[in-house]
Amino acid sequence: MRRSKRWLLTVLMRFSGRSTIGRWCARLAGMLVGPYKARRVLATLTPKPYVSPGAQIVCRDLRLGPHAFVDDVVIYDRGDGGCLVLGDGAHLYAGTIIELGQGGRVEIGAGSHIQPNCQFTAYLGSIRIGAGVQIAPACAFYPYQHSFAAGRPITQQPLRSAGDIIIGDDAWLGYGVIVLDGVTIGPGAVVGAGAVVTCDVPPGAVVAGVPARQISMRPTADETD
């Protein structure tokens, strides 16, 4: 990148934000670097996070760490949700929807990447993603379930939760993984594409299937030497 262009982008990012002027600065910066992942460089130019002007955000308690990257996503707190926290350098890509309600919160750790079209619906329970986690497109996280007792329509059934969803540092979830309430995925674990995770995954385990079952362990450093 030419020095003059980098200087201009840095100035625009310093004035970017959620105000009208700030959104125009972010929009112009995005036009200068290109669409989609080309815009990631904008989050590196200043400590200020990059938030796309196309992002739809209604959230009372939004905490963005330095160098966070927020693409054209939807973040919606229905009014009784908890906070959304993005750590240093965390990335949210286009089409991802984060919904907060009934006290649920979402925390995404430093350097974690959430690829396009993921769904985080934090009702009752919360979703806690560690540092350096890689989540492929179209993954979904539900820390609650609908009750289905007899005699009442599904739309009138209360929600229930077996607990928070916790994803440990350095875990990797393949395309289309679904994670249900009360599940902890240990640090360094790998979840195969299309898996439905209904119970805890040990650190370093490789799981796949519906429901997900352990098929192997990741090799340790000693085993690869």
C-alpha atoms as a PDB file:
ATOM      1  CA  MET A   1       0.000   0.000   0.000  1.00  0.00           C
ATOM      2  CA  ARG A   2       1.360   3.418  -0.956  1.00  0.00           C
ATOM      3  CA  ARG A   3       2.334   5.650   1.944  1.00  0.00           C
ATOM      4  CA  SER A   4      -0.060   8.431   0.893  1.00  0.00           C
ATOM      5  CA  LYS A   5      -3.003   6.030   0.710  1.00  0.00           C
ATOM      6  CA  ARG A   6      -2.149   4.511   4.063  1.00  0.00           C
ATOM      7  CA  TRP A   7      -1.976   7.997   5.595  1.00  0.00           C
ATOM      8  CA  LEU A   8      -5.418   8.890   4.192  1.00  0.00           C
ATOM      9  CA  LEU A   9      -6.950   5.639   5.435  1.00  0.00           C
ATOM     10  CA  THR A  10      -5.454   6.174   8.876  1.00  0.00           C
ATOM     11  CA  VAL A  11      -6.960   9.653   9.082  1.00  0.00           C
ATOM     12  CA  LEU A  12     -10.364   8.358   8.003  1.00  0.00           C
ATOM     13  CA  MET A  13     -10.250   5.587  10.593  1.00  0.00           C
ATOM     14  CA  ARG A  14      -9.373   8.049  13.350  1.00  0.00           C
ATOM     15  CA  PHE A  15     -12.599   9.916  12.615  1.00  0.00           C
ATOM     16  CA  SER A  16     -14.713   6.809  11.973  1.00  0.00           C
ATOM     17  CA  GLY A  17     -17.473   5.812  14.342  1.00  0.00           C
ATOM     18  CA  ARG A  18     -21.222   5.390  14.673  1.00  0.00           C
ATOM     19  CA  SER A  19     -22.034   9.092  14.258  1.00  0.00           C
ATOM     20  CA  THR A  20     -23.102  10.351  10.832  1.00  0.00           C
ATOM     21  CA  ILE A  21     -19.654  11.771  10.096  1.00  0.00           C
ATOM     22  CA  GLY A  22     -17.988   8.680  11.516  1.00  0.00           C
ATOM     23  CA  ARG A  23     -20.035   6.391   9.281  1.00  0.00           C
ATOM     24  CA  TRP A  24     -19.146   8.418   6.209  1.00  0.00           C
ATOM     25  CA  CYS A  25     -15.453   8.204   7.099  1.00  0.00           C
ATOM     26  CA  ALA A  26     -15.722   4.425   7.484  1.00  0.00           C
ATOM     27  CA  ARG A  27     -17.668   4.169   4.238  1.00  0.00           C
ATOM     28  CA  LEU A  28     -15.065   6.145   2.285  1.00  0.00           C
ATOM     29  CA  ALA A  29     -12.237   4.100   3.793  1.00  0.00           C
ATOM     30  CA  GLY A  30     -14.028   0.912   2.769  1.00  0.00           C
ATOM     31  CA  MET A  31     -14.486   2.167  -0.782  1.00  0.00           C
ATOM     32  CA  LEU A  32     -10.768   2.879  -1.031  1.00  0.00           C
ATOM     33  CA  VAL A  33      -9.653  -0.613  -0.006  1.00  0.00           C
ATOM     34  CA  GLY A  34     -12.400  -2.751  -1.562  1.00  0.00           C
ATOM     35  CA  PRO A  35     -15.166  -5.077  -0.328  1.00  0.00           C
ATOM     36  CA  TYR A  36     -15.366  -7.887   2.191  1.00  0.00           C
ATOM     37  CA  LYS A  37     -12.056  -9.131   3.624  1.00  0.00           C
ATOM     38  CA  ALA A  38     -10.079  -6.409   1.865  1.00  0.00           C
ATOM     39  CA  ARG A  39     -11.437  -4.109   4.571  1.00  0.00           C
ATOM     40  CA  ARG A  40      -9.680  -6.000   7.367  1.00  0.00           C
ATOM     41  CA  VAL A  41      -6.652  -3.748   7.000  1.00  0.00           C
ATOM     42  CA  LEU A  42      -8.749  -0.856   8.319  1.00  0.00           C
ATOM     43  CA  ALA A  43      -8.845  -2.460  11.771  1.00  0.00           C
ATOM     44  CA  THR A  44      -5.038  -2.474  11.911  1.00  0.00           C
ATOM     45  CA  LEU A  45      -4.372   1.197  11.149  1.00  0.00           C
ATOM     46  CA  THR A  46      -5.408   2.600  14.541  1.00  0.00           C
ATOM     47  CA  PRO A  47      -6.432   1.039  17.867  1.00  0.00           C
ATOM     48  CA  LYS A  48     -10.017   1.992  17.056  1.00  0.00           C
ATOM     49  CA  PRO A  49     -12.150  -0.973  15.896  1.00  0.00           C
ATOM     50  CA  TYR A  50     -13.562  -0.975  12.380  1.00  0.00           C
ATOM     51  CA  VAL A  51     -17.366  -1.094  12.231  1.00  0.00           C
ATOM     52  CA  SER A  52     -18.898  -1.279   8.769  1.00  0.00           C
ATOM     53  CA  PRO A  53     -21.505   1.386   7.963  1.00  0.00           C
ATOM     54  CA  GLY A  54     -23.648  -1.533   6.793  1.00  0.00           C
ATOM     55  CA  ALA A  55     -23.734  -3.132  10.241  1.00  0.00           C
ATOM     56  CA  GLN A  56     -27.154  -3.037  11.942  1.00  0.00           C
ATOM     57  CA  ILE A  57     -26.524  -2.546  15.644  1.00  0.00           C
ATOM     58  CA  VAL A  58     -29.056  -2.135  18.435  1.00  0.00           C
ATOM     59  CA  CYS A  59     -27.195  -2.970  21.629  1.00  0.00           C
ATOM     60  CA  ARG A  60     -27.152  -1.147  24.950  1.00  0.00           C
ATOM     61  CA  ASP A  61     -23.832  -2.633  26.082  1.00  0.00           C
ATOM     62  CA  LEU A  62     -21.453  -3.132  23.167  1.00  0.00           C
ATOM     63  CA  ARG A  63     -17.777  -3.425  24.075  1.00  0.00           C
ATOM     64  CA  LEU A  64     -15.345  -3.496  21.166  1.00  0.00           C
ATOM     65  CA  GLY A  65     -11.664  -4.115  21.816  1.00  0.00           C
ATOM     66  CA  PRO A  66      -8.861  -2.453  19.852  1.00  0.00           C
ATOM     67  CA  HIS A  67      -8.456  -3.648  16.252  1.00  0.00           C
ATOM     68  CA  ALA A  68     -11.791  -5.501  16.295  1.00  0.00           C
ATOM     69  CA  PHE A  69     -13.382  -5.913  12.850  1.00  0.00           C
ATOM     70  CA  VAL A  70     -17.176  -5.794  12.483  1.00  0.00           C
ATOM     71  CA  ASP A  71     -18.456  -6.336   8.944  1.00  0.00           C
ATOM     72  CA  ASP A  72     -22.053  -6.109   7.670  1.00  0.00           C
ATOM     73  CA  VAL A  73     -23.585  -7.980  10.604  1.00  0.00           C
ATOM     74  CA  VAL A  74     -26.734  -7.702  12.746  1.00  0.00           C
ATOM     75  CA  ILE A  75     -26.339  -7.189  16.501  1.00  0.00           C
ATOM     76  CA  TYR A  76     -29.693  -6.989  18.265  1.00  0.00           C
ATOM     77  CA  ASP A  77     -30.446  -6.674  21.958  1.00  0.00           C
ATOM     78  CA  ARG A  78     -34.188  -7.042  22.390  1.00  0.00           C
ATOM     79  CA  GLY A  79     -33.974  -4.873  25.521  1.00  0.00           C
ATOM     80  CA  ASP A  80     -33.260  -7.375  28.276  1.00  0.00           C
ATOM     81  CA  GLY A  81     -30.041  -8.942  27.040  1.00  0.00           C
ATOM     82  CA  GLY A  82     -26.560  -8.705  28.477  1.00  0.00           C
ATOM     83  CA  CYS A  83     -23.457  -7.311  26.837  1.00  0.00           C
ATOM     84  CA  LEU A  84     -21.615  -8.173  23.648  1.00  0.00           C
ATOM     85  CA  VAL A  85     -17.833  -8.172  24.084  1.00  0.00           C
ATOM     86  CA  LEU A  86     -15.329  -8.444  21.218  1.00  0.00           C
ATOM     87  CA  GLY A  87     -11.699  -8.875  22.234  1.00  0.00           C
ATOM     88  CA  ASP A  88      -8.604  -7.358  20.652  1.00  0.00           C
ATOM     89  CA  GLY A  89      -8.519  -8.219  16.947  1.00  0.00           C
ATOM     90  CA  ALA A  90     -11.686 -10.336  16.970  1.00  0.00           C
ATOM     91  CA  HIS A  91     -13.438 -10.487  13.578  1.00  0.00           C
ATOM     92  CA  LEU A  92     -17.156 -10.739  12.744  1.00  0.00           C
ATOM     93  CA  TYR A  93     -17.869 -11.291   9.057  1.00  0.00           C
ATOM     94  CA  ALA A  94     -20.866 -10.402   6.900  1.00  0.00           C
ATOM     95  CA  GLY A  95     -24.228 -12.020   7.474  1.00  0.00           C
ATOM     96  CA  THR A  96     -23.563 -13.027  11.075  1.00  0.00           C
ATOM     97  CA  ILE A  97     -26.475 -12.371  13.447  1.00  0.00           C
ATOM     98  CA  ILE A  98     -26.036 -11.933  17.198  1.00  0.00           C
ATOM     99  CA  GLU A  99     -29.229 -11.710  19.246  1.00  0.00           C
ATOM    100  CA  LEU A 100     -29.338 -11.067  22.993  1.00  0.00           C
ATOM    101  CA  GLY A 101     -32.279 -11.588  25.340  1.00  0.00           C
ATOM    102  CA  GLN A 102     -33.347 -12.653  28.842  1.00  0.00           C
ATOM    103  CA  GLY A 103     -29.939 -11.827  30.287  1.00  0.00           C
ATOM    104  CA  GLY A 104     -27.884 -13.742  27.719  1.00  0.00           C
ATOM    105  CA  ARG A 105     -24.526 -12.305  26.702  1.00  0.00           C
ATOM    106  CA  VAL A 106     -21.880 -13.050  24.077  1.00  0.00           C
ATOM    107  CA  GLU A 107     -18.126 -12.797  24.614  1.00  0.00           C
ATOM    108  CA  ILE A 108     -15.682 -13.396  21.755  1.00  0.00           C
ATOM    109  CA  GLY A 109     -12.009 -13.520  22.674  1.00  0.00           C
ATOM    110  CA  ALA A 110      -8.966 -11.869  21.177  1.00  0.00           C
ATOM    111  CA  GLY A 111      -8.004 -12.949  17.673  1.00  0.00           C
ATOM    112  CA  SER A 112     -11.070 -15.147  17.147  1.00  0.00           C
ATOM    113  CA  HIS A 113     -12.656 -15.147  13.677  1.00  0.00           C
ATOM    114  CA  ILE A 114     -16.377 -15.673  13.080  1.00  0.00           C
ATOM    115  CA  GLN A 115     -16.888 -16.373   9.380  1.00  0.00           C
ATOM    116  CA  PRO A 116     -20.015 -15.331   7.421  1.00  0.00           C
ATOM    117  CA  ASN A 117     -23.616 -16.205   8.224  1.00  0.00           C
ATOM    118  CA  CYS A 118     -23.166 -17.537  11.740  1.00  0.00           C
ATOM    119  CA  GLN A 119     -25.987 -17.300  14.291  1.00  0.00           C
ATOM    120  CA  PHE A 120     -25.548 -16.522  17.991  1.00  0.00           C
ATOM    121  CA  THR A 121     -28.865 -16.492  19.868  1.00  0.00           C
ATOM    122  CA  ALA A 122     -27.992 -15.825  23.508  1.00  0.00           C
ATOM    123  CA  TYR A 123     -31.224 -16.208  25.480  1.00  0.00           C
ATOM    124  CA  LEU A 124     -31.157 -17.263  29.149  1.00  0.00           C
ATOM    125  CA  GLY A 125     -27.654 -18.713  28.777  1.00  0.00           C
ATOM    126  CA  SER A 126     -24.571 -16.996  27.436  1.00  0.00           C
ATOM    127  CA  ILE A 127     -22.019 -17.809  24.731  1.00  0.00           C
ATOM    128  CA  ARG A 128     -18.343 -17.479  25.607  1.00  0.00           C
ATOM    129  CA  ILE A 129     -15.785 -17.895  22.829  1.00  0.00           C
ATOM    130  CA  GLY A 130     -12.109 -18.050  23.814  1.00  0.00           C
ATOM    131  CA  ALA A 131      -9.057 -16.527  22.125  1.00  0.00           C
ATOM    132  CA  GLY A 132      -7.813 -17.635  18.714  1.00  0.00           C
ATOM    133  CA  VAL A 133     -10.974 -19.623  17.928  1.00  0.00           C
ATOM    134  CA  GLN A 134     -11.796 -20.237  14.251  1.00  0.00           C
ATOM    135  CA  ILE A 135     -15.499 -20.634  13.442  1.00  0.00           C
ATOM    136  CA  ALA A 136     -16.420 -21.511   9.849  1.00  0.00           C
ATOM    137  CA  PRO A 137     -19.489 -20.125   8.039  1.00  0.00           C
ATOM    138  CA  ALA A 138     -23.062 -21.002   8.963  1.00  0.00           C
ATOM    139  CA  CYS A 139     -22.375 -22.214  12.504  1.00  0.00           C
ATOM    140  CA  ALA A 140     -25.127 -21.726  15.090  1.00  0.00           C
ATOM    141  CA  PHE A 141     -25.085 -21.448  18.891  1.00  0.00           C
ATOM    142  CA  TYR A 142     -28.191 -21.892  21.062  1.00  0.00           C
ATOM    143  CA  PRO A 143     -27.699 -21.778  24.862  1.00  0.00           C
ATOM    144  CA  TYR A 144     -31.418 -22.457  25.395  1.00  0.00           C
ATOM    145  CA  GLN A 145     -34.222 -24.750  24.266  1.00  0.00           C
ATOM    146  CA  HIS A 146     -37.978 -24.440  23.895  1.00  0.00           C
ATOM    147  CA  SER A 147     -40.064 -26.423  26.320  1.00  0.00           C
ATOM    148  CA  PHE A 148     -42.620 -28.755  24.706  1.00  0.00           C
ATOM    149  CA  ALA A 149     -45.012 -29.818  27.455  1.00  0.00           C
ATOM    150  CA  ALA A 150     -48.415 -31.103  26.373  1.00  0.00           C
ATOM    151  CA  GLY A 151     -51.432 -28.846  26.189  1.00  0.00           C
ATOM    152  CA  ARG A 152     -49.759 -25.593  25.098  1.00  0.00           C
ATOM    153  CA  PRO A 153     -48.778 -24.379  21.627  1.00  0.00           C
ATOM    154  CA  ILE A 154     -45.038 -24.261  20.973  1.00  0.00           C
ATOM    155  CA  THR A 155     -45.227 -20.468  20.645  1.00  0.00           C
ATOM    156  CA  GLN A 156     -46.415 -20.270  24.271  1.00  0.00           C
ATOM    157  CA  GLN A 157     -43.862 -22.633  25.740  1.00  0.00           C
ATOM    158  CA  PRO A 158     -41.244 -21.068  28.055  1.00  0.00           C
ATOM    159  CA  LEU A 159     -37.556 -21.252  27.261  1.00  0.00           C
ATOM    160  CA  ARG A 160     -35.184 -23.335  29.370  1.00  0.00           C
ATOM    161  CA  SER A 161     -31.425 -23.710  29.461  1.00  0.00           C
ATOM    162  CA  ALA A 162     -28.944 -26.350  30.597  1.00  0.00           C
ATOM    163  CA  GLY A 163     -26.256 -23.668  30.892  1.00  0.00           C
ATOM    164  CA  ASP A 164     -23.841 -21.528  28.933  1.00  0.00           C
ATOM    165  CA  ILE A 165     -21.963 -22.498  25.779  1.00  0.00           C
ATOM    166  CA  ILE A 166     -18.196 -22.265  26.276  1.00  0.00           C
ATOM    167  CA  ILE A 167     -15.633 -22.622  23.467  1.00  0.00           C
ATOM    168  CA  GLY A 168     -12.017 -22.914  24.631  1.00  0.00           C
ATOM    169  CA  ASP A 169      -9.013 -21.150  23.151  1.00  0.00           C
ATOM    170  CA  ASP A 170      -7.692 -22.332  19.765  1.00  0.00           C
ATOM    171  CA  ALA A 171     -10.747 -24.495  18.991  1.00  0.00           C
ATOM    172  CA  TRP A 172     -11.814 -24.921  15.360  1.00  0.00           C
ATOM    173  CA  LEU A 173     -15.422 -25.464  14.254  1.00  0.00           C
ATOM    174  CA  GLY A 174     -16.093 -26.554  10.661  1.00  0.00           C
ATOM    175  CA  TYR A 175     -18.875 -25.422   8.351  1.00  0.00           C
ATOM    176  CA  GLY A 176     -22.422 -25.629   9.660  1.00  0.00           C
ATOM    177  CA  VAL A 177     -21.712 -26.823  13.202  1.00  0.00           C
ATOM    178  CA  ILE A 178     -24.563 -26.459  15.721  1.00  0.00           C
ATOM    179  CA  VAL A 179     -23.734 -26.144  19.434  1.00  0.00           C
ATOM    180  CA  LEU A 180     -26.497 -26.587  22.027  1.00  0.00           C
ATOM    181  CA  ASP A 181     -26.975 -25.364  25.579  1.00  0.00           C
ATOM    182  CA  GLY A 182     -24.712 -26.480  28.391  1.00  0.00           C
ATOM    183  CA  VAL A 183     -21.881 -27.568  26.076  1.00  0.00           C
ATOM    184  CA  THR A 184     -18.198 -26.859  26.701  1.00  0.00           C
ATOM    185  CA  ILE A 185     -15.779 -27.418  23.808  1.00  0.00           C
ATOM    186  CA  GLY A 186     -12.283 -27.697  25.220  1.00  0.00           C
ATOM    187  CA  PRO A 187      -9.220 -25.728  24.141  1.00  0.00           C
ATOM    188  CA  GLY A 188      -7.715 -26.909  20.856  1.00  0.00           C
ATOM    189  CA  ALA A 189     -10.650 -29.167  19.969  1.00  0.00           C
ATOM    190  CA  VAL A 190     -11.767 -29.652  16.351  1.00  0.00           C
ATOM    191  CA  VAL A 191     -15.433 -30.106  15.375  1.00  0.00           C
ATOM    192  CA  GLY A 192     -16.141 -31.522  11.919  1.00  0.00           C
ATOM    193  CA  ALA A 193     -18.454 -29.829   9.428  1.00  0.00           C
ATOM    194  CA  GLY A 194     -22.158 -30.325  10.023  1.00  0.00           C
ATOM    195  CA  ALA A 195     -21.783 -31.742  13.518  1.00  0.00           C
ATOM    196  CA  VAL A 196     -24.430 -31.179  16.209  1.00  0.00           C
ATOM    197  CA  VAL A 197     -22.657 -30.858  19.557  1.00  0.00           C
ATOM    198  CA  THR A 198     -24.883 -31.920  22.450  1.00  0.00           C
ATOM    199  CA  CYS A 199     -22.284 -32.801  25.110  1.00  0.00           C
ATOM    200  CA  ASP A 200     -18.857 -31.626  26.221  1.00  0.00           C
ATOM    201  CA  VAL A 201     -15.805 -32.057  23.982  1.00  0.00           C
ATOM    202  CA  PRO A 202     -12.453 -32.723  25.705  1.00  0.00           C
ATOM    203  CA  PRO A 203      -9.465 -30.452  25.041  1.00  0.00           C
ATOM    204  CA  GLY A 204      -7.683 -31.420  21.828  1.00  0.00           C
ATOM    205  CA  ALA A 205     -10.362 -33.900  20.752  1.00  0.00           C
ATOM    206  CA  VAL A 206     -11.590 -34.271  17.163  1.00  0.00           C
ATOM    207  CA  VAL A 207     -15.347 -34.878  16.945  1.00  0.00           C
ATOM    208  CA  ALA A 208     -17.844 -35.256  14.101  1.00  0.00           C
ATOM    209  CA  GLY A 209     -21.356 -36.461  13.361  1.00  0.00           C
ATOM    210  CA  VAL A 210     -24.937 -36.022  14.553  1.00  0.00           C
ATOM    211  CA  PRO A 211     -24.767 -36.075  17.475  1.00  0.00           C
ATOM    212  CA  ALA A 212     -21.038 -35.348  17.607  1.00  0.00           C
ATOM    213  CA  ARG A 213     -18.812 -38.227  18.745  1.00  0.00           C
ATOM    214  CA  GLN A 214     -15.078 -38.268  19.378  1.00  0.00           C
ATOM    215  CA  ILE A 215     -13.134 -39.860  16.508  1.00  0.00           C
ATOM    216  CA  SER A 216      -9.540 -39.013  17.451  1.00  0.00           C
ATOM    217  CA  MET A 217      -7.253 -36.631  19.304  1.00  0.00           C
ATOM    218  CA  ARG A 218      -5.093 -33.924  17.820  1.00  0.00           C
ATOM    219  CA  PRO A 219      -1.431 -34.899  17.855  1.00  0.00           C
ATOM    220  CA  THR A 220       0.697 -33.319  20.539  1.00  0.00           C
ATOM    221  CA  ALA A 221       3.878 -31.370  19.841  1.00  0.00           C
ATOM    222  CA  ASP A 222       5.964 -34.397  20.888  1.00  0.00           C
ATOM    223  CA  GLU A 223       4.127 -36.627  18.401  1.00  0.00           C
ATOM    224  CA  THR A 224       4.804 -34.309  15.470  1.00  0.00           C
ATOM    225  CA  ASP A 225       8.527 -33.827  16.154  1.00  0.00           C
END
